[in-house]
Amino acid sequence: MNYPDGQNVKLGDIVDLGGGMEGVVIIDVENREFTDRFDMSVVLFLESGIMIDTNNIGLLHLPANHDHYIRLIRRK
């Protein structure tokens, strides 16, 4: 999955989702990568996208075709 500017989304990236919502990328579904706080068993039913741990609504699945909604704030 990529940001609108073409950069690859990476685990640990802090992202802006708009409307004051920010979060941290914790799972890359397509590449089967995840942080040590979570494992893939929570998203085995998903086929694409990323999971973001947000600051105000908890976990959010963002499908790959919705990548235009996020902006990279900071890379770890």
C-alpha atoms as a PDB file:
ATOM      1  CA  MET A   1       0.000   0.000   0.000  1.00  0.00           C
ATOM      2  CA  ASN A   2       1.246   3.483  -0.791  1.00  0.00           C
ATOM      3  CA  TYR A   3       0.662   7.027   0.352  1.00  0.00           C
ATOM      4  CA  PRO A   4      -0.735   9.475  -2.220  1.00  0.00           C
ATOM      5  CA  ASP A   5       2.840  10.696  -2.879  1.00  0.00           C
ATOM      6  CA  GLY A   6       3.935   7.162  -3.834  1.00  0.00           C
ATOM      7  CA  GLN A   7       5.920   6.247  -0.698  1.00  0.00           C
ATOM      8  CA  ASN A   8       5.301   2.764   0.708  1.00  0.00           C
ATOM      9  CA  VAL A   9       3.334   2.543   3.950  1.00  0.00           C
ATOM     10  CA  LYS A  10       5.496   0.922   6.645  1.00  0.00           C
ATOM     11  CA  LEU A  11       4.826  -0.529  10.078  1.00  0.00           C
ATOM     12  CA  GLY A  12       5.226   2.086  12.785  1.00  0.00           C
ATOM     13  CA  ASP A  13       4.401   5.015  10.492  1.00  0.00           C
ATOM     14  CA  ILE A  14       2.392   7.718  12.216  1.00  0.00           C
ATOM     15  CA  VAL A  15      -0.365   8.828   9.889  1.00  0.00           C
ATOM     16  CA  ASP A  16      -2.953  11.579   9.576  1.00  0.00           C
ATOM     17  CA  LEU A  17      -6.410  10.316   8.630  1.00  0.00           C
ATOM     18  CA  GLY A  18      -8.058  13.734   8.538  1.00  0.00           C
ATOM     19  CA  GLY A  19     -10.573  15.293  10.890  1.00  0.00           C
ATOM     20  CA  GLY A  20      -8.077  15.340  13.750  1.00  0.00           C
ATOM     21  CA  MET A  21      -7.602  11.564  13.683  1.00  0.00           C
ATOM     22  CA  GLU A  22      -4.099  10.174  13.777  1.00  0.00           C
ATOM     23  CA  GLY A  23      -2.760   6.692  14.262  1.00  0.00           C
ATOM     24  CA  VAL A  24       0.080   4.221  13.957  1.00  0.00           C
ATOM     25  CA  VAL A  25       0.273   1.556  11.250  1.00  0.00           C
ATOM     26  CA  ILE A  26       0.341  -1.749  13.143  1.00  0.00           C
ATOM     27  CA  ILE A  27      -0.465  -4.381  10.498  1.00  0.00           C
ATOM     28  CA  ASP A  28       0.280  -4.635   6.791  1.00  0.00           C
ATOM     29  CA  VAL A  29      -2.269  -7.198   5.620  1.00  0.00           C
ATOM     30  CA  GLU A  30      -0.912  -7.765   2.112  1.00  0.00           C
ATOM     31  CA  ASN A  31       2.685  -8.366   3.250  1.00  0.00           C
ATOM     32  CA  ARG A  32       1.594 -10.250   6.399  1.00  0.00           C
ATOM     33  CA  GLU A  33       3.674  -7.954   8.640  1.00  0.00           C
ATOM     34  CA  PHE A  34       2.616  -6.905  12.120  1.00  0.00           C
ATOM     35  CA  THR A  35       3.968  -5.189  15.216  1.00  0.00           C
ATOM     36  CA  ASP A  36       4.679  -7.147  18.382  1.00  0.00           C
ATOM     37  CA  ARG A  37       1.459  -5.776  19.976  1.00  0.00           C
ATOM     38  CA  PHE A  38      -0.748  -7.670  17.526  1.00  0.00           C
ATOM     39  CA  ASP A  39      -0.569 -10.764  15.365  1.00  0.00           C
ATOM     40  CA  MET A  40      -2.053 -11.686  12.034  1.00  0.00           C
ATOM     41  CA  SER A  41      -4.752 -13.895  13.577  1.00  0.00           C
ATOM     42  CA  VAL A  42      -6.861 -10.774  14.195  1.00  0.00           C
ATOM     43  CA  VAL A  43      -6.987  -9.992  10.474  1.00  0.00           C
ATOM     44  CA  LEU A  44      -6.721 -13.348   8.684  1.00  0.00           C
ATOM     45  CA  PHE A  45     -10.069 -12.700   7.009  1.00  0.00           C
ATOM     46  CA  LEU A  46      -8.768  -9.518   5.338  1.00  0.00           C
ATOM     47  CA  GLU A  47      -7.134  -9.590   1.914  1.00  0.00           C
ATOM     48  CA  SER A  48      -5.623  -6.133   1.562  1.00  0.00           C
ATOM     49  CA  GLY A  49      -4.846  -2.857   3.248  1.00  0.00           C
ATOM     50  CA  ILE A  50      -3.473  -1.924   6.636  1.00  0.00           C
ATOM     51  CA  MET A  51      -4.634  -1.750  10.241  1.00  0.00           C
ATOM     52  CA  ILE A  52      -4.125   1.506  12.086  1.00  0.00           C
ATOM     53  CA  ASP A  53      -4.302   1.984  15.860  1.00  0.00           C
ATOM     54  CA  THR A  54      -6.010   5.388  15.997  1.00  0.00           C
ATOM     55  CA  ASN A  55      -6.031   8.014  18.714  1.00  0.00           C
ATOM     56  CA  ASN A  56      -9.812   8.175  19.046  1.00  0.00           C
ATOM     57  CA  ILE A  57     -11.673   5.184  17.565  1.00  0.00           C
ATOM     58  CA  GLY A  58      -9.332   2.264  18.231  1.00  0.00           C
ATOM     59  CA  LEU A  59      -8.377  -0.132  15.449  1.00  0.00           C
ATOM     60  CA  LEU A  60      -9.227   0.853  11.889  1.00  0.00           C
ATOM     61  CA  HIS A  61      -8.898  -1.285   8.768  1.00  0.00           C
ATOM     62  CA  LEU A  62      -8.085   0.804   5.718  1.00  0.00           C
ATOM     63  CA  PRO A  63      -8.488  -1.172   2.473  1.00  0.00           C
ATOM     64  CA  ALA A  64      -5.815  -0.719  -0.190  1.00  0.00           C
ATOM     65  CA  ASN A  65      -8.117   1.247  -2.473  1.00  0.00           C
ATOM     66  CA  HIS A  66      -8.595   3.894   0.243  1.00  0.00           C
ATOM     67  CA  ASP A  67      -4.941   4.924   0.465  1.00  0.00           C
ATOM     68  CA  HIS A  68      -5.755   8.462  -0.688  1.00  0.00           C
ATOM     69  CA  TYR A  69      -7.233   9.118   2.787  1.00  0.00           C
ATOM     70  CA  ILE A  70      -3.939   8.951   4.678  1.00  0.00           C
ATOM     71  CA  ARG A  71      -0.897  11.178   4.935  1.00  0.00           C
ATOM     72  CA  LEU A  72       2.443  10.258   6.469  1.00  0.00           C
ATOM     73  CA  ILE A  73       3.274  12.413   9.513  1.00  0.00           C
ATOM     74  CA  ARG A  74       6.407  10.659  10.738  1.00  0.00           C
ATOM     75  CA  ARG A  75       8.311   7.480  10.029  1.00  0.00           C
ATOM     76  CA  LYS A  76       9.844   5.556  12.919  1.00  0.00           C
END
